[in-house]
Amino acid sequence: MNDHNNSYKWIMKVAEQGDSEAQFLIARMYEKGEQIVQS
């Protein structure tokens, strides 16, 4: 699970820079219910 969290962190950094492929990967993670931040 730690590798998954680390991957999410780096993909999110790239997505925030406007990379469309990374944004797509983040969207897929959210779609699957992965890495949803609880408020």
C-alpha atoms as a PDB file:
ATOM      1  CA  MET A   1       0.000   0.000   0.000  1.00  0.00           C
ATOM      2  CA  ASN A   2       2.894   2.361   0.646  1.00  0.00           C
ATOM      3  CA  ASP A   3       4.007   2.127  -2.995  1.00  0.00           C
ATOM      4  CA  HIS A   4       0.467   2.965  -4.056  1.00  0.00           C
ATOM      5  CA  ASN A   5       0.412   6.036  -1.784  1.00  0.00           C
ATOM      6  CA  ASN A   6       3.798   7.142  -3.089  1.00  0.00           C
ATOM      7  CA  SER A   7       2.642   6.727  -6.694  1.00  0.00           C
ATOM      8  CA  TYR A   8      -0.472   8.776  -5.997  1.00  0.00           C
ATOM      9  CA  LYS A   9       1.625  11.558  -4.467  1.00  0.00           C
ATOM     10  CA  TRP A  10       3.881  11.864  -7.509  1.00  0.00           C
ATOM     11  CA  ILE A  11       1.105  11.476 -10.065  1.00  0.00           C
ATOM     12  CA  MET A  12      -0.850  14.234  -8.282  1.00  0.00           C
ATOM     13  CA  LYS A  13       2.161  16.571  -8.414  1.00  0.00           C
ATOM     14  CA  VAL A  14       2.439  16.048 -12.174  1.00  0.00           C
ATOM     15  CA  ALA A  15      -1.337  16.395 -12.639  1.00  0.00           C
ATOM     16  CA  GLU A  16      -1.262  19.734 -10.811  1.00  0.00           C
ATOM     17  CA  GLN A  17       1.294  20.916 -13.378  1.00  0.00           C
ATOM     18  CA  GLY A  18      -1.279  20.309 -16.125  1.00  0.00           C
ATOM     19  CA  ASP A  19      -0.194  16.921 -17.469  1.00  0.00           C
ATOM     20  CA  SER A  20      -3.312  15.422 -19.050  1.00  0.00           C
ATOM     21  CA  GLU A  21      -2.171  11.804 -18.731  1.00  0.00           C
ATOM     22  CA  ALA A  22      -1.532  12.243 -15.010  1.00  0.00           C
ATOM     23  CA  GLN A  23      -4.917  13.963 -14.640  1.00  0.00           C
ATOM     24  CA  PHE A  24      -6.524  10.962 -16.313  1.00  0.00           C
ATOM     25  CA  LEU A  25      -4.744   8.575 -13.927  1.00  0.00           C
ATOM     26  CA  ILE A  26      -5.948  10.588 -10.920  1.00  0.00           C
ATOM     27  CA  ALA A  27      -9.495  10.514 -12.300  1.00  0.00           C
ATOM     28  CA  ARG A  28      -9.279   6.723 -12.653  1.00  0.00           C
ATOM     29  CA  MET A  29      -8.045   6.413  -9.062  1.00  0.00           C
ATOM     30  CA  TYR A  30     -11.007   8.475  -7.837  1.00  0.00           C
ATOM     31  CA  GLU A  31     -13.380   6.469 -10.017  1.00  0.00           C
ATOM     32  CA  LYS A  32     -12.138   3.242  -8.414  1.00  0.00           C
ATOM     33  CA  GLY A  33     -12.382   4.768  -4.939  1.00  0.00           C
ATOM     34  CA  GLU A  34      -8.634   4.855  -4.404  1.00  0.00           C
ATOM     35  CA  GLN A  35      -6.967   7.654  -2.444  1.00  0.00           C
ATOM     36  CA  ILE A  36     -10.175   9.391  -1.464  1.00  0.00           C
ATOM     37  CA  VAL A  37      -9.353  11.882   1.276  1.00  0.00           C
ATOM     38  CA  GLN A  38     -11.767  11.755   4.174  1.00  0.00           C
ATOM     39  CA  SER A  39     -12.855  15.130   5.520  1.00  0.00           C
END
